[in-house]
Amino acid sequence: MLTVSLNLNENENSLIADYVRTKGMELSEIVREALLEKIEEERAEMQFIAQLEKEMQTNEDYQLFLSTEELERELDL
């Protein structure tokens, strides 16, 4: 079991307390759901990136398009 402590300012505390009341759920349920959702989203992103990198390495016809700003950043211009 993991116990978490949050340091919140008065505004954040009020905002979260209001949200918890409107949802009719325990704060721990809301935090658990939000954290698990965030982890799942990041895992999906990482899987997508890994798949994209593999595709780029194995497919000679794969083309990557960069905006002008991205290209300048890549080339340190």
PDB file of N, CA and C in Angstrom:
ATOM      1  N   MET A   1       0.844  -1.182   0.000  1.00  0.00           N
ATOM      2  CA  MET A   1       0.000   0.000   0.000  1.00  0.00           C
ATOM      3  C   MET A   1       0.888   1.244   0.000  1.00  0.00           C
ATOM      4  N   LEU A   2       0.508   2.228  -0.773  1.00  0.00           N
ATOM      5  CA  LEU A   2       1.250   3.482  -0.904  1.00  0.00           C
ATOM      6  C   LEU A   2       0.428   4.612  -0.317  1.00  0.00           C
ATOM      7  N   THR A   3       1.030   5.420   0.501  1.00  0.00           N
ATOM      8  CA  THR A   3       0.367   6.593   1.060  1.00  0.00           C
ATOM      9  C   THR A   3       1.030   7.821   0.459  1.00  0.00           C
ATOM     10  N   VAL A   4       0.211   8.777   0.031  1.00  0.00           N
ATOM     11  CA  VAL A   4       0.712   9.980  -0.636  1.00  0.00           C
ATOM     12  C   VAL A   4       0.260  11.207   0.136  1.00  0.00           C
ATOM     13  N   SER A   5       1.147  12.173   0.237  1.00  0.00           N
ATOM     14  CA  SER A   5       0.841  13.439   0.873  1.00  0.00           C
ATOM     15  C   SER A   5       1.027  14.539  -0.168  1.00  0.00           C
ATOM     16  N   LEU A   6       0.084  15.455  -0.253  1.00  0.00           N
ATOM     17  CA  LEU A   6       0.173  16.549  -1.218  1.00  0.00           C
ATOM     18  C   LEU A   6       0.304  17.877  -0.486  1.00  0.00           C
ATOM     19  N   ASN A   7       1.173  18.726  -0.961  1.00  0.00           N
ATOM     20  CA  ASN A   7       1.285  20.087  -0.451  1.00  0.00           C
ATOM     21  C   ASN A   7       0.538  20.991  -1.423  1.00  0.00           C
ATOM     22  N   LEU A   8      -0.570  21.539  -0.978  1.00  0.00           N
ATOM     23  CA  LEU A   8      -1.415  22.366  -1.833  1.00  0.00           C
ATOM     24  C   LEU A   8      -1.547  23.756  -1.230  1.00  0.00           C
ATOM     25  N   ASN A   9      -1.626  24.750  -2.107  1.00  0.00           N
ATOM     26  CA  ASN A   9      -1.941  26.077  -1.595  1.00  0.00           C
ATOM     27  C   ASN A   9      -3.458  26.151  -1.360  1.00  0.00           C
ATOM     28  N   GLU A  10      -3.908  27.227  -0.782  1.00  0.00           N
ATOM     29  CA  GLU A  10      -5.320  27.357  -0.416  1.00  0.00           C
ATOM     30  C   GLU A  10      -6.243  27.258  -1.632  1.00  0.00           C
ATOM     31  N   ASN A  11      -5.843  27.870  -2.737  1.00  0.00           N
ATOM     32  CA  ASN A  11      -6.655  27.856  -3.952  1.00  0.00           C
ATOM     33  C   ASN A  11      -6.765  26.435  -4.516  1.00  0.00           C
ATOM     34  N   GLU A  12      -5.634  25.724  -4.577  1.00  0.00           N
ATOM     35  CA  GLU A  12      -5.634  24.344  -5.078  1.00  0.00           C
ATOM     36  C   GLU A  12      -6.479  23.444  -4.188  1.00  0.00           C
ATOM     37  N   ASN A  13      -6.334  23.626  -2.871  1.00  0.00           N
ATOM     38  CA  ASN A  13      -7.099  22.830  -1.922  1.00  0.00           C
ATOM     39  C   ASN A  13      -8.598  23.045  -2.112  1.00  0.00           C
ATOM     40  N   SER A  14      -8.996  24.291  -2.266  1.00  0.00           N
ATOM     41  CA  SER A  14     -10.409  24.621  -2.463  1.00  0.00           C
ATOM     42  C   SER A  14     -10.934  24.047  -3.771  1.00  0.00           C
ATOM     43  N   LEU A  15     -10.148  24.178  -4.822  1.00  0.00           N
ATOM     44  CA  LEU A  15     -10.534  23.665  -6.133  1.00  0.00           C
ATOM     45  C   LEU A  15     -10.747  22.155  -6.085  1.00  0.00           C
ATOM     46  N   ILE A  16      -9.805  21.453  -5.462  1.00  0.00           N
ATOM     47  CA  ILE A  16      -9.901  19.996  -5.372  1.00  0.00           C
ATOM     48  C   ILE A  16     -11.064  19.583  -4.486  1.00  0.00           C
ATOM     49  N   ALA A  17     -11.247  20.264  -3.359  1.00  0.00           N
ATOM     50  CA  ALA A  17     -12.361  19.934  -2.460  1.00  0.00           C
ATOM     51  C   ALA A  17     -13.703  20.114  -3.170  1.00  0.00           C
ATOM     52  N   ASP A  18     -13.847  21.182  -3.935  1.00  0.00           N
ATOM     53  CA  ASP A  18     -15.086  21.408  -4.695  1.00  0.00           C
ATOM     54  C   ASP A  18     -15.301  20.309  -5.725  1.00  0.00           C
ATOM     55  N   TYR A  19     -14.241  19.924  -6.386  1.00  0.00           N
ATOM     56  CA  TYR A  19     -14.334  18.878  -7.411  1.00  0.00           C
ATOM     57  C   TYR A  19     -14.755  17.553  -6.788  1.00  0.00           C
ATOM     58  N   VAL A  20     -14.152  17.217  -5.660  1.00  0.00           N
ATOM     59  CA  VAL A  20     -14.482  15.967  -4.964  1.00  0.00           C
ATOM     60  C   VAL A  20     -15.960  15.962  -4.572  1.00  0.00           C
ATOM     61  N   ARG A  21     -16.444  17.086  -4.069  1.00  0.00           N
ATOM     62  CA  ARG A  21     -17.872  17.168  -3.685  1.00  0.00           C
ATOM     63  C   ARG A  21     -18.784  16.978  -4.891  1.00  0.00           C
ATOM     64  N   THR A  22     -18.449  17.598  -6.022  1.00  0.00           N
ATOM     65  CA  THR A  22     -19.324  17.493  -7.196  1.00  0.00           C
ATOM     66  C   THR A  22     -19.317  16.085  -7.780  1.00  0.00           C
ATOM     67  N   LYS A  23     -18.195  15.395  -7.643  1.00  0.00           N
ATOM     68  CA  LYS A  23     -18.102  14.028  -8.176  1.00  0.00           C
ATOM     69  C   LYS A  23     -18.740  13.007  -7.236  1.00  0.00           C
ATOM     70  N   GLY A  24     -18.875  13.350  -5.970  1.00  0.00           N
ATOM     71  CA  GLY A  24     -19.452  12.421  -5.010  1.00  0.00           C
ATOM     72  C   GLY A  24     -18.580  11.192  -4.797  1.00  0.00           C
ATOM     73  N   MET A  25     -17.289  11.374  -4.909  1.00  0.00           N
ATOM     74  CA  MET A  25     -16.327  10.281  -4.750  1.00  0.00           C
ATOM     75  C   MET A  25     -15.337  10.640  -3.657  1.00  0.00           C
ATOM     76  N   GLU A  26     -14.605   9.652  -3.198  1.00  0.00           N
ATOM     77  CA  GLU A  26     -13.509   9.898  -2.260  1.00  0.00           C
ATOM     78  C   GLU A  26     -12.322  10.472  -3.030  1.00  0.00           C
ATOM     79  N   LEU A  27     -11.576  11.334  -2.381  1.00  0.00           N
ATOM     80  CA  LEU A  27     -10.390  11.917  -3.012  1.00  0.00           C
ATOM     81  C   LEU A  27      -9.431  10.825  -3.466  1.00  0.00           C
ATOM     82  N   SER A  28      -9.265   9.796  -2.660  1.00  0.00           N
ATOM     83  CA  SER A  28      -8.337   8.723  -3.018  1.00  0.00           C
ATOM     84  C   SER A  28      -8.763   8.035  -4.312  1.00  0.00           C
ATOM     85  N   GLU A  29     -10.077   7.887  -4.532  1.00  0.00           N
ATOM     86  CA  GLU A  29     -10.557   7.273  -5.775  1.00  0.00           C
ATOM     87  C   GLU A  29     -10.228   8.152  -6.977  1.00  0.00           C
ATOM     88  N   ILE A  30     -10.440   9.444  -6.823  1.00  0.00           N
ATOM     89  CA  ILE A  30     -10.187  10.383  -7.917  1.00  0.00           C
ATOM     90  C   ILE A  30      -8.699  10.419  -8.251  1.00  0.00           C
ATOM     91  N   VAL A  31      -7.854  10.484  -7.232  1.00  0.00           N
ATOM     92  CA  VAL A  31      -6.406  10.524  -7.454  1.00  0.00           C
ATOM     93  C   VAL A  31      -5.941   9.232  -8.102  1.00  0.00           C
ATOM     94  N   ARG A  32      -6.429   8.095  -7.607  1.00  0.00           N
ATOM     95  CA  ARG A  32      -6.036   6.797  -8.166  1.00  0.00           C
ATOM     96  C   ARG A  32      -6.420   6.709  -9.640  1.00  0.00           C
ATOM     97  N   GLU A  33      -7.668   7.077  -9.968  1.00  0.00           N
ATOM     98  CA  GLU A  33      -8.114   7.033 -11.361  1.00  0.00           C
ATOM     99  C   GLU A  33      -7.293   7.954 -12.246  1.00  0.00           C
ATOM    100  N   ALA A  34      -7.031   9.167 -11.768  1.00  0.00           N
ATOM    101  CA  ALA A  34      -6.276  10.138 -12.568  1.00  0.00           C
ATOM    102  C   ALA A  34      -4.850   9.652 -12.809  1.00  0.00           C
ATOM    103  N   LEU A  35      -4.224   9.103 -11.779  1.00  0.00           N
ATOM    104  CA  LEU A  35      -2.850   8.631 -11.909  1.00  0.00           C
ATOM    105  C   LEU A  35      -2.766   7.429 -12.845  1.00  0.00           C
ATOM    106  N   LEU A  36      -3.686   6.482 -12.701  1.00  0.00           N
ATOM    107  CA  LEU A  36      -3.683   5.313 -13.578  1.00  0.00           C
ATOM    108  C   LEU A  36      -3.955   5.708 -15.031  1.00  0.00           C
ATOM    109  N   GLU A  37      -4.847   6.667 -15.230  1.00  0.00           N
ATOM    110  CA  GLU A  37      -5.131   7.152 -16.587  1.00  0.00           C
ATOM    111  C   GLU A  37      -3.885   7.793 -17.195  1.00  0.00           C
ATOM    112  N   LYS A  38      -3.177   8.591 -16.404  1.00  0.00           N
ATOM    113  CA  LYS A  38      -1.953   9.245 -16.873  1.00  0.00           C
ATOM    114  C   LYS A  38      -0.905   8.206 -17.258  1.00  0.00           C
ATOM    115  N   ILE A  39      -0.746   7.180 -16.419  1.00  0.00           N
ATOM    116  CA  ILE A  39       0.231   6.125 -16.698  1.00  0.00           C
ATOM    117  C   ILE A  39      -0.134   5.392 -17.986  1.00  0.00           C
ATOM    118  N   GLU A  40      -1.411   5.060 -18.165  1.00  0.00           N
ATOM    119  CA  GLU A  40      -1.852   4.367 -19.378  1.00  0.00           C
ATOM    120  C   GLU A  40      -1.613   5.213 -20.623  1.00  0.00           C
ATOM    121  N   GLU A  41      -1.887   6.522 -20.526  1.00  0.00           N
ATOM    122  CA  GLU A  41      -1.656   7.420 -21.662  1.00  0.00           C
ATOM    123  C   GLU A  41      -0.174   7.455 -22.030  1.00  0.00           C
ATOM    124  N   GLU A  42       0.690   7.567 -21.022  1.00  0.00           N
ATOM    125  CA  GLU A  42       2.124   7.627 -21.298  1.00  0.00           C
ATOM    126  C   GLU A  42       2.644   6.309 -21.852  1.00  0.00           C
ATOM    127  N   ARG A  43       2.137   5.194 -21.364  1.00  0.00           N
ATOM    128  CA  ARG A  43       2.532   3.888 -21.914  1.00  0.00           C
ATOM    129  C   ARG A  43       2.121   3.791 -23.383  1.00  0.00           C
ATOM    130  N   ALA A  44       0.914   4.231 -23.695  1.00  0.00           N
ATOM    131  CA  ALA A  44       0.447   4.189 -25.082  1.00  0.00           C
ATOM    132  C   ALA A  44       1.326   5.073 -25.962  1.00  0.00           C
ATOM    133  N   GLU A  45       1.701   6.250 -25.458  1.00  0.00           N
ATOM    134  CA  GLU A  45       2.582   7.141 -26.213  1.00  0.00           C
ATOM    135  C   GLU A  45       3.936   6.493 -26.455  1.00  0.00           C
ATOM    136  N   MET A  46       4.483   5.867 -25.417  1.00  0.00           N
ATOM    137  CA  MET A  46       5.792   5.219 -25.549  1.00  0.00           C
ATOM    138  C   MET A  46       5.727   4.047 -26.526  1.00  0.00           C
ATOM    139  N   GLN A  47       4.646   3.285 -26.496  1.00  0.00           N
ATOM    140  CA  GLN A  47       4.479   2.186 -27.446  1.00  0.00           C
ATOM    141  C   GLN A  47       4.376   2.724 -28.868  1.00  0.00           C
ATOM    142  N   PHE A  48       3.651   3.832 -29.048  1.00  0.00           N
ATOM    143  CA  PHE A  48       3.521   4.444 -30.363  1.00  0.00           C
ATOM    144  C   PHE A  48       4.874   4.920 -30.864  1.00  0.00           C
ATOM    145  N   ILE A  49       5.638   5.575 -29.993  1.00  0.00           N
ATOM    146  CA  ILE A  49       6.959   6.070 -30.379  1.00  0.00           C
ATOM    147  C   ILE A  49       7.875   4.918 -30.757  1.00  0.00           C
ATOM    148  N   ALA A  50       7.856   3.856 -29.960  1.00  0.00           N
ATOM    149  CA  ALA A  50       8.697   2.690 -30.260  1.00  0.00           C
ATOM    150  C   ALA A  50       8.308   2.078 -31.599  1.00  0.00           C
ATOM    151  N   GLN A  51       7.013   1.988 -31.854  1.00  0.00           N
ATOM    152  CA  GLN A  51       6.536   1.438 -33.123  1.00  0.00           C
ATOM    153  C   GLN A  51       6.948   2.343 -34.284  1.00  0.00           C
ATOM    154  N   LEU A  52       6.841   3.640 -34.095  1.00  0.00           N
ATOM    155  CA  LEU A  52       7.230   4.595 -35.124  1.00  0.00           C
ATOM    156  C   LEU A  52       8.728   4.521 -35.400  1.00  0.00           C
ATOM    157  N   GLU A  53       9.536   4.432 -34.352  1.00  0.00           N
ATOM    158  CA  GLU A  53      10.984   4.324 -34.537  1.00  0.00           C
ATOM    159  C   GLU A  53      11.344   3.037 -35.280  1.00  0.00           C
ATOM    160  N   LYS A  54      10.686   1.944 -34.943  1.00  0.00           N
ATOM    161  CA  LYS A  54      10.936   0.680 -35.632  1.00  0.00           C
ATOM    162  C   LYS A  54      10.561   0.799 -37.105  1.00  0.00           C
ATOM    163  N   GLU A  55       9.436   1.435 -37.372  1.00  0.00           N
ATOM    164  CA  GLU A  55       8.984   1.630 -38.757  1.00  0.00           C
ATOM    165  C   GLU A  55       9.998   2.469 -39.534  1.00  0.00           C
ATOM    166  N   MET A  56      10.523   3.501 -38.881  1.00  0.00           N
ATOM    167  CA  MET A  56      11.487   4.371 -39.548  1.00  0.00           C
ATOM    168  C   MET A  56      12.789   3.634 -39.851  1.00  0.00           C
ATOM    169  N   GLN A  57      13.176   2.705 -38.981  1.00  0.00           N
ATOM    170  CA  GLN A  57      14.423   1.966 -39.173  1.00  0.00           C
ATOM    171  C   GLN A  57      14.289   0.861 -40.203  1.00  0.00           C
ATOM    172  N   THR A  58      13.108   0.293 -40.336  1.00  0.00           N
ATOM    173  CA  THR A  58      12.933  -0.875 -41.204  1.00  0.00           C
ATOM    174  C   THR A  58      12.320  -0.543 -42.558  1.00  0.00           C
ATOM    175  N   ASN A  59      11.762   0.632 -42.715  1.00  0.00           N
ATOM    176  CA  ASN A  59      11.094   0.982 -43.956  1.00  0.00           C
ATOM    177  C   ASN A  59      11.871   2.094 -44.656  1.00  0.00           C
ATOM    178  N   GLU A  60      12.542   1.750 -45.744  1.00  0.00           N
ATOM    179  CA  GLU A  60      13.352   2.734 -46.479  1.00  0.00           C
ATOM    180  C   GLU A  60      12.507   3.850 -47.083  1.00  0.00           C
ATOM    181  N   ASP A  61      11.252   3.562 -47.357  1.00  0.00           N
ATOM    182  CA  ASP A  61      10.386   4.557 -47.980  1.00  0.00           C
ATOM    183  C   ASP A  61       9.765   5.511 -46.965  1.00  0.00           C
ATOM    184  N   TYR A  62      10.011   5.269 -45.701  1.00  0.00           N
ATOM    185  CA  TYR A  62       9.410   6.109 -44.669  1.00  0.00           C
ATOM    186  C   TYR A  62      10.046   7.494 -44.726  1.00  0.00           C
ATOM    187  N   GLN A  63       9.209   8.513 -44.745  1.00  0.00           N
ATOM    188  CA  GLN A  63       9.711   9.876 -44.805  1.00  0.00           C
ATOM    189  C   GLN A  63       9.218  10.642 -43.597  1.00  0.00           C
ATOM    190  N   LEU A  64      10.085  11.422 -43.028  1.00  0.00           N
ATOM    191  CA  LEU A  64       9.746  12.250 -41.888  1.00  0.00           C
ATOM    192  C   LEU A  64       9.757  13.701 -42.350  1.00  0.00           C
ATOM    193  N   PHE A  65       8.653  14.389 -42.156  1.00  0.00           N
ATOM    194  CA  PHE A  65       8.537  15.780 -42.556  1.00  0.00           C
ATOM    195  C   PHE A  65       8.639  16.668 -41.329  1.00  0.00           C
ATOM    196  N   LEU A  66       9.481  17.679 -41.428  1.00  0.00           N
ATOM    197  CA  LEU A  66       9.651  18.633 -40.347  1.00  0.00           C
ATOM    198  C   LEU A  66       9.201  20.005 -40.808  1.00  0.00           C
ATOM    199  N   SER A  67       8.643  20.772 -39.883  1.00  0.00           N
ATOM    200  CA  SER A  67       8.318  22.154 -40.198  1.00  0.00           C
ATOM    201  C   SER A  67       9.626  22.930 -40.311  1.00  0.00           C
ATOM    202  N   THR A  68       9.563  24.118 -40.862  1.00  0.00           N
ATOM    203  CA  THR A  68      10.752  24.954 -40.994  1.00  0.00           C
ATOM    204  C   THR A  68      11.382  25.214 -39.630  1.00  0.00           C
ATOM    205  N   GLU A  69      10.534  25.497 -38.633  1.00  0.00           N
ATOM    206  CA  GLU A  69      11.029  25.765 -37.288  1.00  0.00           C
ATOM    207  C   GLU A  69      11.726  24.534 -36.704  1.00  0.00           C
ATOM    208  N   GLU A  70      11.133  23.353 -36.909  1.00  0.00           N
ATOM    209  CA  GLU A  70      11.737  22.124 -36.392  1.00  0.00           C
ATOM    210  C   GLU A  70      13.073  21.837 -37.074  1.00  0.00           C
ATOM    211  N   LEU A  71      13.123  22.050 -38.384  1.00  0.00           N
ATOM    212  CA  LEU A  71      14.358  21.818 -39.136  1.00  0.00           C
ATOM    213  C   LEU A  71      15.461  22.760 -38.671  1.00  0.00           C
ATOM    214  N   GLU A  72      15.113  24.044 -38.480  1.00  0.00           N
ATOM    215  CA  GLU A  72      16.099  25.015 -37.985  1.00  0.00           C
ATOM    216  C   GLU A  72      16.605  24.617 -36.604  1.00  0.00           C
ATOM    217  N   ARG A  73      15.713  24.143 -35.752  1.00  0.00           N
ATOM    218  CA  ARG A  73      16.130  23.689 -34.424  1.00  0.00           C
ATOM    219  C   ARG A  73      17.048  22.490 -34.507  1.00  0.00           C
ATOM    220  N   GLU A  74      16.718  21.550 -35.383  1.00  0.00           N
ATOM    221  CA  GLU A  74      17.546  20.349 -35.551  1.00  0.00           C
ATOM    222  C   GLU A  74      18.940  20.691 -36.063  1.00  0.00           C
ATOM    223  N   LEU A  75      19.023  21.718 -36.901  1.00  0.00           N
ATOM    224  CA  LEU A  75      20.293  22.124 -37.505  1.00  0.00           C
ATOM    225  C   LEU A  75      20.988  23.233 -36.731  1.00  0.00           C
ATOM    226  N   ASP A  76      20.402  23.610 -35.573  1.00  0.00           N
ATOM    227  CA  ASP A  76      20.956  24.704 -34.741  1.00  0.00           C
ATOM    228  C   ASP A  76      21.132  25.987 -35.534  1.00  0.00           C
ATOM    229  N   LEU A  77      20.143  26.331 -36.326  1.00  0.00           N
ATOM    230  CA  LEU A  77      20.210  27.583 -37.109  1.00  0.00           C
ATOM    231  C   LEU A  77      19.512  28.711 -36.391  1.00  0.00           C
TER     232      LEU A  77
END
